[in-house]
Amino acid sequence: MKGKIVIDKEFCKGCQFCIAFCPKKAVQISAKRNTKGYAYAEYDKTKKCSGCATCALVCPEATIEVYRE
């Protein structure tokens, strides 16, 4: 199964839980910052997201949506 994630960068506080728990390492920290000054998480499209939704489950801000294809 393939998946993709969408992260609402304006609500992400850059805690990096999604990065630590992603089994495919498909999430990375952005070099950019959101309007609140946080370096937010972003989906690395070069990696193969499995759609497991672990990133969304561990996100304390509930900023991640997972889509399965």
PDB file of N, CA and C in Angstrom:
ATOM      1  N   MET A   1       0.838  -1.172   0.000  1.00  0.00           N
ATOM      2  CA  MET A   1       0.000   0.000   0.000  1.00  0.00           C
ATOM      3  C   MET A   1       0.892   1.248   0.000  1.00  0.00           C
ATOM      4  N   LYS A   2       0.483   2.223  -0.783  1.00  0.00           N
ATOM      5  CA  LYS A   2       1.195   3.489  -0.831  1.00  0.00           C
ATOM      6  C   LYS A   2       0.407   4.530  -0.057  1.00  0.00           C
ATOM      7  N   GLY A   3       1.111   5.515   0.431  1.00  0.00           N
ATOM      8  CA  GLY A   3       0.442   6.592   1.132  1.00  0.00           C
ATOM      9  C   GLY A   3       1.150   7.907   0.910  1.00  0.00           C
ATOM     10  N   LYS A   4       0.539   8.949   1.427  1.00  0.00           N
ATOM     11  CA  LYS A   4       1.177  10.260   1.446  1.00  0.00           C
ATOM     12  C   LYS A   4       0.624  11.013   2.636  1.00  0.00           C
ATOM     13  N   ILE A   5       1.396  11.958   3.119  1.00  0.00           N
ATOM     14  CA  ILE A   5       0.946  12.739   4.259  1.00  0.00           C
ATOM     15  C   ILE A   5       0.922  14.217   3.902  1.00  0.00           C
ATOM     16  N   VAL A   6       0.028  14.922   4.572  1.00  0.00           N
ATOM     17  CA  VAL A   6      -0.071  16.371   4.434  1.00  0.00           C
ATOM     18  C   VAL A   6       0.051  16.946   5.836  1.00  0.00           C
ATOM     19  N   ILE A   7       0.987  17.872   6.009  1.00  0.00           N
ATOM     20  CA  ILE A   7       1.240  18.475   7.310  1.00  0.00           C
ATOM     21  C   ILE A   7       0.842  19.947   7.257  1.00  0.00           C
ATOM     22  N   ASP A   8       0.014  20.373   8.200  1.00  0.00           N
ATOM     23  CA  ASP A   8      -0.361  21.782   8.292  1.00  0.00           C
ATOM     24  C   ASP A   8       0.787  22.521   8.969  1.00  0.00           C
ATOM     25  N   LYS A   9       1.628  23.129   8.164  1.00  0.00           N
ATOM     26  CA  LYS A   9       2.869  23.727   8.675  1.00  0.00           C
ATOM     27  C   LYS A   9       2.626  24.861   9.664  1.00  0.00           C
ATOM     28  N   GLU A  10       1.494  25.521   9.589  1.00  0.00           N
ATOM     29  CA  GLU A  10       1.228  26.635  10.501  1.00  0.00           C
ATOM     30  C   GLU A  10       0.942  26.185  11.928  1.00  0.00           C
ATOM     31  N   PHE A  11       0.490  24.948  12.114  1.00  0.00           N
ATOM     32  CA  PHE A  11       0.219  24.445  13.455  1.00  0.00           C
ATOM     33  C   PHE A  11       1.316  23.535  13.988  1.00  0.00           C
ATOM     34  N   CYS A  12       2.262  23.145  13.136  1.00  0.00           N
ATOM     35  CA  CYS A  12       3.368  22.278  13.546  1.00  0.00           C
ATOM     36  C   CYS A  12       4.342  23.070  14.400  1.00  0.00           C
ATOM     37  N   LYS A  13       4.745  22.489  15.538  1.00  0.00           N
ATOM     38  CA  LYS A  13       5.703  23.135  16.433  1.00  0.00           C
ATOM     39  C   LYS A  13       7.088  22.509  16.350  1.00  0.00           C
ATOM     40  N   GLY A  14       7.274  21.603  15.403  1.00  0.00           N
ATOM     41  CA  GLY A  14       8.590  21.017  15.188  1.00  0.00           C
ATOM     42  C   GLY A  14       9.074  20.102  16.292  1.00  0.00           C
ATOM     43  N   CYS A  15       8.166  19.395  16.951  1.00  0.00           N
ATOM     44  CA  CYS A  15       8.562  18.507  18.063  1.00  0.00           C
ATOM     45  C   CYS A  15       9.369  17.302  17.584  1.00  0.00           C
ATOM     46  N   GLN A  16       9.226  16.942  16.325  1.00  0.00           N
ATOM     47  CA  GLN A  16       9.951  15.858  15.663  1.00  0.00           C
ATOM     48  C   GLN A  16       9.523  14.446  16.081  1.00  0.00           C
ATOM     49  N   PHE A  17       8.390  14.314  16.753  1.00  0.00           N
ATOM     50  CA  PHE A  17       7.881  12.975  17.081  1.00  0.00           C
ATOM     51  C   PHE A  17       7.604  12.193  15.800  1.00  0.00           C
ATOM     52  N   CYS A  18       7.010  12.860  14.816  1.00  0.00           N
ATOM     53  CA  CYS A  18       6.687  12.184  13.553  1.00  0.00           C
ATOM     54  C   CYS A  18       7.946  11.683  12.862  1.00  0.00           C
ATOM     55  N   ILE A  19       9.009  12.429  12.967  1.00  0.00           N
ATOM     56  CA  ILE A  19      10.284  12.038  12.362  1.00  0.00           C
ATOM     57  C   ILE A  19      10.847  10.820  13.080  1.00  0.00           C
ATOM     58  N   ALA A  20      10.799  10.847  14.391  1.00  0.00           N
ATOM     59  CA  ALA A  20      11.352   9.749  15.200  1.00  0.00           C
ATOM     60  C   ALA A  20      10.602   8.441  15.007  1.00  0.00           C
ATOM     61  N   PHE A  21       9.286   8.510  14.802  1.00  0.00           N
ATOM     62  CA  PHE A  21       8.475   7.295  14.741  1.00  0.00           C
ATOM     63  C   PHE A  21       8.151   6.796  13.341  1.00  0.00           C
ATOM     64  N   CYS A  22       8.460   7.558  12.308  1.00  0.00           N
ATOM     65  CA  CYS A  22       8.148   7.125  10.942  1.00  0.00           C
ATOM     66  C   CYS A  22       9.032   5.940  10.547  1.00  0.00           C
ATOM     67  N   PRO A  23       8.436   4.771  10.276  1.00  0.00           N
ATOM     68  CA  PRO A  23       9.246   3.600   9.925  1.00  0.00           C
ATOM     69  C   PRO A  23       9.941   3.725   8.569  1.00  0.00           C
ATOM     70  N   LYS A  24       9.420   4.575   7.691  1.00  0.00           N
ATOM     71  CA  LYS A  24      10.003   4.759   6.357  1.00  0.00           C
ATOM     72  C   LYS A  24      10.889   6.005   6.274  1.00  0.00           C
ATOM     73  N   LYS A  25      10.999   6.745   7.370  1.00  0.00           N
ATOM     74  CA  LYS A  25      11.792   7.985   7.418  1.00  0.00           C
ATOM     75  C   LYS A  25      11.351   8.960   6.326  1.00  0.00           C
ATOM     76  N   ALA A  26      10.018   9.067   6.145  1.00  0.00           N
ATOM     77  CA  ALA A  26       9.446   9.907   5.093  1.00  0.00           C
ATOM     78  C   ALA A  26       9.115  11.323   5.561  1.00  0.00           C
ATOM     79  N   VAL A  27       9.514  11.655   6.787  1.00  0.00           N
ATOM     80  CA  VAL A  27       9.265  12.993   7.315  1.00  0.00           C
ATOM     81  C   VAL A  27      10.605  13.602   7.701  1.00  0.00           C
ATOM     82  N   GLN A  28      10.740  14.885   7.415  1.00  0.00           N
ATOM     83  CA  GLN A  28      11.976  15.588   7.750  1.00  0.00           C
ATOM     84  C   GLN A  28      11.627  16.974   8.285  1.00  0.00           C
ATOM     85  N   ILE A  29      12.603  17.617   8.898  1.00  0.00           N
ATOM     86  CA  ILE A  29      12.383  18.971   9.385  1.00  0.00           C
ATOM     87  C   ILE A  29      12.730  19.929   8.253  1.00  0.00           C
ATOM     88  N   SER A  30      11.909  20.926   8.077  1.00  0.00           N
ATOM     89  CA  SER A  30      12.105  21.887   7.003  1.00  0.00           C
ATOM     90  C   SER A  30      13.205  22.891   7.354  1.00  0.00           C
ATOM     91  N   ALA A  31      13.853  23.408   6.353  1.00  0.00           N
ATOM     92  CA  ALA A  31      14.829  24.481   6.565  1.00  0.00           C
ATOM     93  C   ALA A  31      14.100  25.808   6.750  1.00  0.00           C
ATOM     94  N   LYS A  32      12.815  25.833   6.390  1.00  0.00           N
ATOM     95  CA  LYS A  32      11.995  27.047   6.513  1.00  0.00           C
ATOM     96  C   LYS A  32      11.301  27.058   7.863  1.00  0.00           C
ATOM     97  N   ARG A  33      10.721  28.201   8.200  1.00  0.00           N
ATOM     98  CA  ARG A  33       9.979  28.352   9.450  1.00  0.00           C
ATOM     99  C   ARG A  33       8.568  28.837   9.152  1.00  0.00           C
ATOM    100  N   ASN A  34       7.634  28.464  10.028  1.00  0.00           N
ATOM    101  CA  ASN A  34       6.267  28.940   9.856  1.00  0.00           C
ATOM    102  C   ASN A  34       6.135  30.341  10.460  1.00  0.00           C
ATOM    103  N   THR A  35       4.942  30.911  10.434  1.00  0.00           N
ATOM    104  CA  THR A  35       4.753  32.285  10.903  1.00  0.00           C
ATOM    105  C   THR A  35       4.968  32.440  12.407  1.00  0.00           C
ATOM    106  N   LYS A  36       4.946  31.334  13.140  1.00  0.00           N
ATOM    107  CA  LYS A  36       5.200  31.382  14.580  1.00  0.00           C
ATOM    108  C   LYS A  36       6.681  31.190  14.907  1.00  0.00           C
ATOM    109  N   GLY A  37       7.500  30.931  13.879  1.00  0.00           N
ATOM    110  CA  GLY A  37       8.935  30.799  14.079  1.00  0.00           C
ATOM    111  C   GLY A  37       9.450  29.384  14.264  1.00  0.00           C
ATOM    112  N   TYR A  38       8.573  28.388  14.123  1.00  0.00           N
ATOM    113  CA  TYR A  38       8.985  26.996  14.287  1.00  0.00           C
ATOM    114  C   TYR A  38       9.463  26.404  12.960  1.00  0.00           C
ATOM    115  N   ALA A  39      10.531  25.643  13.012  1.00  0.00           N
ATOM    116  CA  ALA A  39      10.959  24.835  11.862  1.00  0.00           C
ATOM    117  C   ALA A  39      10.035  23.624  11.861  1.00  0.00           C
ATOM    118  N   TYR A  40       9.180  23.548  10.875  1.00  0.00           N
ATOM    119  CA  TYR A  40       8.112  22.559  10.847  1.00  0.00           C
ATOM    120  C   TYR A  40       8.526  21.271  10.133  1.00  0.00           C
ATOM    121  N   ALA A  41       7.772  20.224  10.382  1.00  0.00           N
ATOM    122  CA  ALA A  41       7.994  18.944   9.710  1.00  0.00           C
ATOM    123  C   ALA A  41       7.407  19.011   8.306  1.00  0.00           C
ATOM    124  N   GLU A  42       8.020  18.268   7.390  1.00  0.00           N
ATOM    125  CA  GLU A  42       7.494  18.204   6.030  1.00  0.00           C
ATOM    126  C   GLU A  42       7.693  16.806   5.477  1.00  0.00           C
ATOM    127  N   TYR A  43       6.828  16.443   4.552  1.00  0.00           N
ATOM    128  CA  TYR A  43       6.868  15.137   3.907  1.00  0.00           C
ATOM    129  C   TYR A  43       7.978  15.124   2.871  1.00  0.00           C
ATOM    130  N   ASP A  44       8.828  14.114   2.926  1.00  0.00           N
ATOM    131  CA  ASP A  44       9.895  13.929   1.953  1.00  0.00           C
ATOM    132  C   ASP A  44       9.349  13.030   0.843  1.00  0.00           C
ATOM    133  N   LYS A  45       8.975  13.642  -0.271  1.00  0.00           N
ATOM    134  CA  LYS A  45       8.331  12.908  -1.361  1.00  0.00           C
ATOM    135  C   LYS A  45       9.246  11.893  -2.036  1.00  0.00           C
ATOM    136  N   THR A  46      10.543  11.958  -1.770  1.00  0.00           N
ATOM    137  CA  THR A  46      11.467  10.990  -2.358  1.00  0.00           C
ATOM    138  C   THR A  46      11.432   9.649  -1.611  1.00  0.00           C
ATOM    139  N   LYS A  47      10.867   9.651  -0.413  1.00  0.00           N
ATOM    140  CA  LYS A  47      10.736   8.416   0.374  1.00  0.00           C
ATOM    141  C   LYS A  47       9.385   7.786   0.074  1.00  0.00           C
ATOM    142  N   LYS A  48       9.229   6.528   0.399  1.00  0.00           N
ATOM    143  CA  LYS A  48       7.980   5.823   0.112  1.00  0.00           C
ATOM    144  C   LYS A  48       7.159   5.657   1.383  1.00  0.00           C
ATOM    145  N   CYS A  49       6.205   6.549   1.553  1.00  0.00           N
ATOM    146  CA  CYS A  49       5.288   6.480   2.689  1.00  0.00           C
ATOM    147  C   CYS A  49       4.398   5.250   2.521  1.00  0.00           C
ATOM    148  N   SER A  50       4.233   4.491   3.597  1.00  0.00           N
ATOM    149  CA  SER A  50       3.401   3.288   3.529  1.00  0.00           C
ATOM    150  C   SER A  50       1.953   3.572   3.916  1.00  0.00           C
ATOM    151  N   GLY A  51       1.679   4.755   4.444  1.00  0.00           N
ATOM    152  CA  GLY A  51       0.323   5.084   4.871  1.00  0.00           C
ATOM    153  C   GLY A  51      -0.036   4.487   6.219  1.00  0.00           C
ATOM    154  N   CYS A  52       0.950   4.169   7.035  1.00  0.00           N
ATOM    155  CA  CYS A  52       0.698   3.512   8.316  1.00  0.00           C
ATOM    156  C   CYS A  52       0.026   4.430   9.345  1.00  0.00           C
ATOM    157  N   ALA A  53       0.157   5.727   9.173  1.00  0.00           N
ATOM    158  CA  ALA A  53      -0.460   6.750  10.034  1.00  0.00           C
ATOM    159  C   ALA A  53       0.176   6.876  11.412  1.00  0.00           C
ATOM    160  N   THR A  54       1.326   6.285  11.623  1.00  0.00           N
ATOM    161  CA  THR A  54       2.000   6.429  12.906  1.00  0.00           C
ATOM    162  C   THR A  54       2.336   7.893  13.185  1.00  0.00           C
ATOM    163  N   CYS A  55       2.754   8.609  12.165  1.00  0.00           N
ATOM    164  CA  CYS A  55       3.097  10.023  12.329  1.00  0.00           C
ATOM    165  C   CYS A  55       1.903  10.820  12.844  1.00  0.00           C
ATOM    166  N   ALA A  56       0.729  10.565  12.291  1.00  0.00           N
ATOM    167  CA  ALA A  56      -0.481  11.274  12.708  1.00  0.00           C
ATOM    168  C   ALA A  56      -0.875  10.906  14.137  1.00  0.00           C
ATOM    169  N   LEU A  57      -0.662   9.660  14.513  1.00  0.00           N
ATOM    170  CA  LEU A  57      -1.024   9.215  15.860  1.00  0.00           C
ATOM    171  C   LEU A  57      -0.144   9.831  16.942  1.00  0.00           C
ATOM    172  N   VAL A  58       1.140  10.038  16.652  1.00  0.00           N
ATOM    173  CA  VAL A  58       2.051  10.582  17.661  1.00  0.00           C
ATOM    174  C   VAL A  58       2.107  12.106  17.665  1.00  0.00           C
ATOM    175  N   CYS A  59       1.495  12.757  16.687  1.00  0.00           N
ATOM    176  CA  CYS A  59       1.548  14.219  16.594  1.00  0.00           C
ATOM    177  C   CYS A  59       0.692  14.859  17.686  1.00  0.00           C
ATOM    178  N   PRO A  60       1.300  15.582  18.627  1.00  0.00           N
ATOM    179  CA  PRO A  60       0.518  16.192  19.715  1.00  0.00           C
ATOM    180  C   PRO A  60      -0.359  17.353  19.247  1.00  0.00           C
ATOM    181  N   GLU A  61      -0.063  17.921  18.108  1.00  0.00           N
ATOM    182  CA  GLU A  61      -0.836  19.046  17.587  1.00  0.00           C
ATOM    183  C   GLU A  61      -1.877  18.623  16.554  1.00  0.00           C
ATOM    184  N   ALA A  62      -1.933  17.355  16.207  1.00  0.00           N
ATOM    185  CA  ALA A  62      -2.871  16.808  15.218  1.00  0.00           C
ATOM    186  C   ALA A  62      -2.805  17.576  13.897  1.00  0.00           C
ATOM    187  N   THR A  63      -1.590  17.782  13.397  1.00  0.00           N
ATOM    188  CA  THR A  63      -1.397  18.556  12.166  1.00  0.00           C
ATOM    189  C   THR A  63      -1.185  17.689  10.935  1.00  0.00           C
ATOM    190  N   ILE A  64      -1.198  16.369  11.100  1.00  0.00           N
ATOM    191  CA  ILE A  64      -0.858  15.474   9.993  1.00  0.00           C
ATOM    192  C   ILE A  64      -2.086  14.692   9.530  1.00  0.00           C
ATOM    193  N   GLU A  65      -2.311  14.721   8.215  1.00  0.00           N
ATOM    194  CA  GLU A  65      -3.353  13.913   7.597  1.00  0.00           C
ATOM    195  C   GLU A  65      -2.669  12.864   6.727  1.00  0.00           C
ATOM    196  N   VAL A  66      -3.168  11.638   6.793  1.00  0.00           N
ATOM    197  CA  VAL A  66      -2.583  10.534   6.029  1.00  0.00           C
ATOM    198  C   VAL A  66      -3.578  10.072   4.976  1.00  0.00           C
ATOM    199  N   TYR A  67      -3.077   9.906   3.769  1.00  0.00           N
ATOM    200  CA  TYR A  67      -3.898   9.429   2.652  1.00  0.00           C
ATOM    201  C   TYR A  67      -3.294   8.141   2.127  1.00  0.00           C
ATOM    202  N   ARG A  68      -4.152   7.132   1.918  1.00  0.00           N
ATOM    203  CA  ARG A  68      -3.699   5.839   1.392  1.00  0.00           C
ATOM    204  C   ARG A  68      -4.198   5.667  -0.024  1.00  0.00           C
ATOM    205  N   GLU A  69      -3.344   5.128  -0.868  1.00  0.00           N
ATOM    206  CA  GLU A  69      -3.696   4.915  -2.272  1.00  0.00           C
ATOM    207  C   GLU A  69      -3.742   3.436  -2.587  1.00  0.00           C
TER     208      GLU A  69
END
